Amino acid sequence: MKFGVSSYSLFQALNKGEMTITDVIDYIADIGGEHIEIVPLGFNLKENPELIETIKTHAAAKGLDISNYAIGANFAELDDAAYEAEIERVKSEVDIAAALGVKLMRHDVASSQDLSMKHFLEELPRLANACRIIADYAAERGITTSVENHGYFIQHSDRVQALVQTVNHPNFKTTLDVGNFLCADEPSTVAVANNIGLASMVHFKDFYYRSKELAPGPGWFNTSSGNWLRGAIVGHGDIPMRDVIRIVKESGYDGYISIEFEGMEDCRTGTKLGLEYLRKTWNEV
């Protein structure tokens, strides 16, 4: 078991130019992280490929594993040419993951305005085919690919399960984000218990949750059912985090765990407090 941080947690500072990716690596090491998950937001590894070696060298010098590489992708509602082009683009991202030396990679799979089950089932075979092709390509490079419960269209635990089972590839799993299930109004305790057996990577993220009638204002966003969420420091929000941690621990999961912070507090403070809470509570439950 290794606890660490997604670089996305420090996006607030990266985006403002207050930190570079090497500063992020330094900070994660300073707060006791054991690995860094690379999400190329606030820096670009395609436009600046020299950063790949910089990240590898700097992380190694700081004693951090590079655990996972996470990118966006969408294979839904595309014509044949765009579908094939997106598969090839994601393969090129697999090459970046291989250059980073990671063994895990998350790519998104689909987004849509039509969130209905009917539309999901219509798209599922084509989505699974794309994931299977990429999983084959990644397997040749020693990398396991995964889908995250992310982006509304494939966010419920049963939709994630349906995709993983339809892909039916030993090299394709899920990056399980314990907080993101709330975006689909699914209780985290139920959803995490459903999907932890399929996880290659686990994210700990927390949210404040309010019913749609409250309309709390700026800084909040809607769930798929119109309720409201705002990012929180892990352990400070409305997810029963202690129970979720117990579920993950008792499942026997023994891989990388990342803090993801997207709250309104300073990202350095939010990340540090979340990591401290996670490690302390993991040891207690």
Protein backbone atom coordinates (compact mmCIF):
# COMPACT_ATOMS: atom_id res chain seq x y z
CA MET A 1 0.00 0.00 0.00
CA LYS A 2 1.33 3.41 -0.94
CA PHE A 3 -0.35 6.74 -0.26
CA GLY A 4 0.30 9.64 -2.58
CA VAL A 5 -1.17 12.54 -4.48
CA SER A 6 -2.55 13.23 -7.92
CA SER A 7 -0.85 16.23 -9.52
CA TYR A 8 -4.42 17.39 -10.25
CA SER A 9 -4.72 18.23 -6.55
CA LEU A 10 -2.23 21.07 -7.07
CA PHE A 11 -3.79 22.30 -10.33
CA GLN A 12 -4.92 25.50 -8.63
CA ALA A 13 -1.27 26.50 -8.07
CA LEU A 14 -0.05 25.06 -11.39
CA ASN A 15 -2.68 27.02 -13.28
CA LYS A 16 -1.72 30.28 -11.56
CA GLY A 17 1.96 29.75 -12.28
CA GLU A 18 2.72 29.46 -8.55
CA MET A 19 4.13 25.93 -8.95
CA THR A 20 5.78 23.88 -11.67
CA ILE A 21 5.45 20.11 -11.93
CA THR A 22 8.84 19.75 -10.23
CA ASP A 23 7.58 21.97 -7.40
CA VAL A 24 4.57 19.64 -7.13
CA ILE A 25 6.88 16.64 -6.85
CA ASP A 26 8.86 18.42 -4.12
CA TYR A 27 5.70 19.30 -2.22
CA ILE A 28 4.28 15.78 -2.33
CA ALA A 29 7.56 14.39 -1.01
CA ASP A 30 7.68 17.07 1.69
CA ILE A 31 4.21 16.17 3.03
CA GLY A 32 5.00 12.46 3.16
CA GLY A 33 3.58 11.18 -0.11
CA GLU A 34 4.98 7.95 -1.48
CA HIS A 35 3.93 8.40 -5.09
CA ILE A 36 2.72 10.96 -7.60
CA GLU A 37 -0.02 10.40 -10.13
CA ILE A 38 0.54 12.43 -13.29
CA VAL A 39 -2.43 14.32 -14.75
CA PRO A 40 -1.20 16.63 -17.54
CA LEU A 41 -3.15 19.73 -16.58
CA GLY A 42 -1.11 22.87 -16.00
CA PHE A 43 1.69 21.34 -18.11
CA ASN A 44 1.78 19.54 -21.45
CA LEU A 45 3.88 16.45 -22.10
CA LYS A 46 3.13 16.35 -25.83
CA GLU A 47 4.21 19.93 -26.45
CA ASN A 48 7.08 19.65 -23.96
CA PRO A 49 8.29 16.02 -24.15
CA GLU A 50 11.48 16.95 -22.31
CA LEU A 51 9.31 17.18 -19.18
CA ILE A 52 8.89 13.40 -19.24
CA GLU A 53 12.52 12.78 -18.32
CA THR A 54 12.47 15.72 -15.89
CA ILE A 55 9.50 14.20 -14.06
CA LYS A 56 11.08 10.74 -13.97
CA THR A 57 14.42 11.99 -12.72
CA HIS A 58 12.98 14.39 -10.16
CA ALA A 59 10.49 11.89 -8.76
CA ALA A 60 13.22 9.27 -8.39
CA ALA A 61 15.49 11.78 -6.63
CA LYS A 62 12.67 12.52 -4.17
CA GLY A 63 11.90 8.84 -3.60
CA LEU A 64 8.46 8.97 -5.24
CA ASP A 65 6.99 6.31 -7.49
CA ILE A 66 5.14 7.56 -10.55
CA SER A 67 1.99 5.56 -10.03
CA ASN A 68 -0.45 6.38 -12.80
CA TYR A 69 -0.96 8.55 -15.88
CA ALA A 70 -4.49 9.94 -16.33
CA ILE A 71 -5.89 11.57 -19.47
CA GLY A 72 -9.20 12.52 -21.03
CA ALA A 73 -10.78 10.68 -23.98
CA ASN A 74 -14.18 10.25 -25.62
CA PHE A 75 -15.23 7.48 -27.99
CA ALA A 76 -18.98 8.20 -27.92
CA GLU A 77 -21.08 9.64 -30.73
CA LEU A 78 -18.19 9.78 -33.23
CA ASP A 79 -18.20 8.92 -36.91
CA ASP A 80 -15.85 6.12 -37.98
CA ALA A 81 -12.96 8.41 -38.90
CA ALA A 82 -13.12 10.39 -35.66
CA TYR A 83 -13.49 7.16 -33.65
CA GLU A 84 -10.34 5.66 -35.20
CA ALA A 85 -8.46 8.95 -34.74
CA GLU A 86 -9.36 9.05 -31.05
CA ILE A 87 -8.14 5.48 -30.56
CA GLU A 88 -4.83 6.40 -32.20
CA ARG A 89 -4.55 9.55 -30.07
CA VAL A 90 -5.02 7.54 -26.87
CA LYS A 91 -2.42 5.03 -28.07
CA SER A 92 0.03 7.93 -28.37
CA GLU A 93 -0.78 8.78 -24.75
CA VAL A 94 0.00 5.17 -23.83
CA ASP A 95 3.44 5.78 -25.34
CA ILE A 96 3.86 8.75 -22.99
CA ALA A 97 2.82 6.57 -20.04
CA ALA A 98 5.44 4.02 -21.09
CA ALA A 99 8.07 6.76 -21.34
CA LEU A 100 7.16 7.86 -17.80
CA GLY A 101 7.70 4.29 -16.66
CA VAL A 102 4.22 3.85 -15.20
CA LYS A 103 2.36 0.54 -15.07
CA LEU A 104 -1.11 2.09 -14.73
CA MET A 105 -3.01 4.48 -17.00
CA ARG A 106 -6.50 5.91 -16.79
CA HIS A 107 -8.25 7.19 -19.88
CA ASP A 108 -11.78 8.54 -19.98
CA VAL A 109 -14.13 6.71 -22.29
CA ALA A 110 -17.25 8.73 -23.04
CA SER A 111 -19.24 11.86 -22.45
CA SER A 112 -22.73 12.69 -23.67
CA GLN A 113 -25.62 15.04 -23.05
CA ASP A 114 -27.93 12.03 -23.24
CA LEU A 115 -27.37 10.23 -19.92
CA SER A 116 -30.15 7.68 -20.41
CA MET A 117 -29.56 3.98 -19.92
CA LYS A 118 -30.91 3.40 -23.42
CA HIS A 119 -28.18 5.58 -24.93
CA PHE A 120 -25.52 4.01 -22.71
CA LEU A 121 -26.48 0.52 -23.92
CA GLU A 122 -26.45 1.72 -27.53
CA GLU A 123 -22.94 3.10 -27.16
CA LEU A 124 -21.54 0.32 -24.95
CA PRO A 125 -20.32 -2.12 -27.65
CA ARG A 126 -18.35 0.56 -29.49
CA LEU A 127 -16.94 2.00 -26.26
CA ALA A 128 -15.84 -1.45 -25.14
CA ASN A 129 -14.19 -2.14 -28.50
CA ALA A 130 -12.08 1.02 -28.24
CA CYS A 131 -11.05 0.17 -24.67
CA ARG A 132 -10.14 -3.38 -25.70
CA ILE A 133 -7.92 -2.17 -28.56
CA ILE A 134 -6.13 0.26 -26.24
CA ALA A 135 -5.79 -2.35 -23.48
CA ASP A 136 -4.11 -4.68 -25.98
CA TYR A 137 -1.72 -1.93 -27.06
CA ALA A 138 -0.94 -1.01 -23.43
CA ALA A 139 -0.41 -4.65 -22.41
CA GLU A 140 2.49 -4.87 -24.88
CA ARG A 141 4.10 -2.06 -22.87
CA GLY A 142 3.35 -3.56 -19.45
CA ILE A 143 0.61 -1.05 -18.67
CA THR A 144 -2.86 -1.75 -17.27
CA THR A 145 -5.52 0.66 -18.50
CA SER A 146 -8.67 1.71 -16.66
CA VAL A 147 -11.84 3.76 -16.77
CA GLU A 148 -12.70 6.15 -13.96
CA ASN A 149 -16.22 6.73 -12.64
CA HIS A 150 -16.12 10.18 -14.14
CA GLY A 151 -18.07 12.52 -16.39
CA TYR A 152 -21.72 11.59 -15.66
CA PHE A 153 -22.19 9.17 -18.60
CA ILE A 154 -20.11 6.37 -17.03
CA GLN A 155 -20.25 7.35 -13.38
CA HIS A 156 -22.64 4.94 -11.65
CA SER A 157 -20.99 1.81 -10.29
CA ASP A 158 -23.18 -0.45 -12.44
CA ARG A 159 -22.22 1.36 -15.66
CA VAL A 160 -18.53 1.07 -14.79
CA GLN A 161 -19.05 -2.64 -14.11
CA ALA A 162 -20.91 -3.07 -17.39
CA LEU A 163 -18.07 -1.48 -19.35
CA VAL A 164 -15.31 -3.45 -17.61
CA GLN A 165 -17.21 -6.71 -18.02
CA THR A 166 -18.00 -6.01 -21.69
CA VAL A 167 -14.38 -5.16 -22.45
CA ASN A 168 -13.55 -8.48 -20.76
CA HIS A 169 -9.80 -7.95 -20.87
CA PRO A 170 -7.44 -8.82 -18.00
CA ASN A 171 -5.60 -5.56 -18.68
CA PHE A 172 -8.65 -3.27 -18.30
CA LYS A 173 -9.96 -2.27 -14.86
CA THR A 174 -11.31 0.81 -13.08
CA THR A 175 -9.71 3.77 -11.39
CA LEU A 176 -12.14 3.98 -8.48
CA ASP A 177 -12.80 7.51 -7.22
CA VAL A 178 -14.67 7.24 -3.93
CA GLY A 179 -16.10 10.75 -4.26
CA ASN A 180 -17.15 10.83 -7.90
CA PHE A 181 -20.07 8.46 -7.37
CA LEU A 182 -21.84 11.36 -5.67
CA CYS A 183 -21.87 13.18 -9.02
CA ALA A 184 -24.42 10.52 -10.02
CA ASP A 185 -26.13 10.73 -6.60
CA GLU A 186 -24.94 7.23 -5.68
CA PRO A 187 -23.87 6.71 -2.04
CA SER A 188 -20.13 6.20 -1.88
CA THR A 189 -20.31 3.35 0.61
CA VAL A 190 -22.57 1.31 -1.69
CA ALA A 191 -20.71 2.13 -4.90
CA VAL A 192 -17.22 1.54 -3.48
CA ALA A 193 -18.27 -1.85 -2.12
CA ASN A 194 -19.68 -2.71 -5.55
CA ASN A 195 -16.54 -1.84 -7.52
CA ILE A 196 -13.47 -2.16 -5.31
CA GLY A 197 -12.85 -5.66 -6.65
CA LEU A 198 -12.35 -4.19 -10.13
CA ALA A 199 -9.96 -1.41 -9.09
CA SER A 200 -6.41 -0.96 -10.35
CA MET A 201 -6.16 2.47 -8.68
CA VAL A 202 -8.09 4.27 -5.94
CA HIS A 203 -8.69 8.01 -5.56
CA PHE A 204 -9.87 9.56 -2.31
CA LYS A 205 -11.88 12.71 -2.94
CA ASP A 206 -14.51 14.37 -0.76
CA PHE A 207 -17.48 16.64 -1.41
CA TYR A 208 -20.02 18.75 0.41
CA TYR A 209 -23.49 17.63 -0.76
CA ARG A 210 -26.68 19.70 -0.72
CA SER A 211 -30.17 18.99 -2.08
CA LYS A 212 -31.33 20.78 -5.22
CA GLU A 213 -33.76 23.00 -3.30
CA LEU A 214 -30.94 24.73 -1.40
CA ALA A 215 -29.15 26.19 -4.47
CA PRO A 216 -26.10 27.29 -2.42
CA GLY A 217 -24.59 29.55 -5.09
CA PRO A 218 -21.10 30.13 -6.57
CA GLY A 219 -18.51 27.37 -6.15
CA TRP A 220 -21.07 24.56 -6.36
CA PHE A 221 -21.96 22.34 -9.34
CA ASN A 222 -24.85 20.04 -10.14
CA THR A 223 -25.04 16.29 -9.85
CA SER A 224 -26.77 14.40 -12.66
CA SER A 225 -30.04 14.69 -10.71
CA GLY A 226 -29.68 18.41 -10.02
CA ASN A 227 -28.37 18.29 -6.47
CA TRP A 228 -25.28 20.29 -5.51
CA LEU A 229 -21.63 19.45 -4.82
CA ARG A 230 -18.58 21.42 -3.77
CA GLY A 231 -15.10 19.97 -3.41
CA ALA A 232 -13.90 19.38 0.15
CA ILE A 233 -10.71 18.39 1.93
CA VAL A 234 -10.73 14.60 2.33
CA GLY A 235 -12.35 13.91 5.70
CA HIS A 236 -14.06 17.32 5.91
CA GLY A 237 -16.97 16.73 3.55
CA ASP A 238 -20.25 14.84 3.66
CA ILE A 239 -18.99 11.45 2.45
CA PRO A 240 -18.80 8.99 5.38
CA MET A 241 -15.09 8.74 4.73
CA ARG A 242 -14.21 6.57 7.68
CA ASP A 243 -16.68 3.93 6.49
CA VAL A 244 -15.36 4.18 2.92
CA ILE A 245 -11.78 3.75 4.09
CA ARG A 246 -12.81 0.68 6.04
CA ILE A 247 -14.48 -0.83 2.97
CA VAL A 248 -11.37 -0.30 0.85
CA LYS A 249 -9.05 -1.64 3.55
CA GLU A 250 -11.17 -4.71 4.31
CA SER A 251 -11.41 -5.53 0.60
CA GLY A 252 -7.70 -6.37 0.64
CA TYR A 253 -6.85 -3.69 -1.94
CA ASP A 254 -3.10 -3.19 -1.74
CA GLY A 255 -2.25 -0.83 -4.59
CA TYR A 256 -1.68 2.88 -4.95
CA ILE A 257 -4.07 5.34 -3.32
CA SER A 258 -4.12 9.00 -4.38
CA ILE A 259 -5.54 12.07 -2.74
CA GLU A 260 -7.51 14.24 -5.16
CA PHE A 261 -8.37 17.72 -3.92
CA GLU A 262 -10.56 20.19 -5.82
CA GLY A 263 -11.94 22.38 -3.04
CA MET A 264 -11.97 26.16 -2.56
CA GLU A 265 -9.23 26.16 0.08
CA ASP A 266 -5.59 26.65 -0.86
CA CYS A 267 -4.65 23.52 -2.77
CA ARG A 268 -1.45 22.93 -0.81
CA THR A 269 -3.29 23.04 2.51
CA GLY A 270 -6.17 20.94 1.22
CA THR A 271 -3.86 18.28 -0.17
CA LYS A 272 -1.71 18.07 2.96
CA LEU A 273 -4.65 17.83 5.37
CA GLY A 274 -6.38 15.23 3.21
CA LEU A 275 -3.28 13.05 3.04
CA GLU A 276 -2.79 13.29 6.81
CA TYR A 277 -6.43 12.35 7.44
CA LEU A 278 -6.29 9.40 5.07
CA ARG A 279 -3.14 7.91 6.57
CA LYS A 280 -4.33 8.41 10.16
CA THR A 281 -7.78 6.96 9.54
CA TRP A 282 -6.46 4.03 7.50
CA ASN A 283 -4.32 3.04 10.47
CA GLU A 284 -7.28 3.34 12.86
CA VAL A 285 -10.03 1.42 11.10
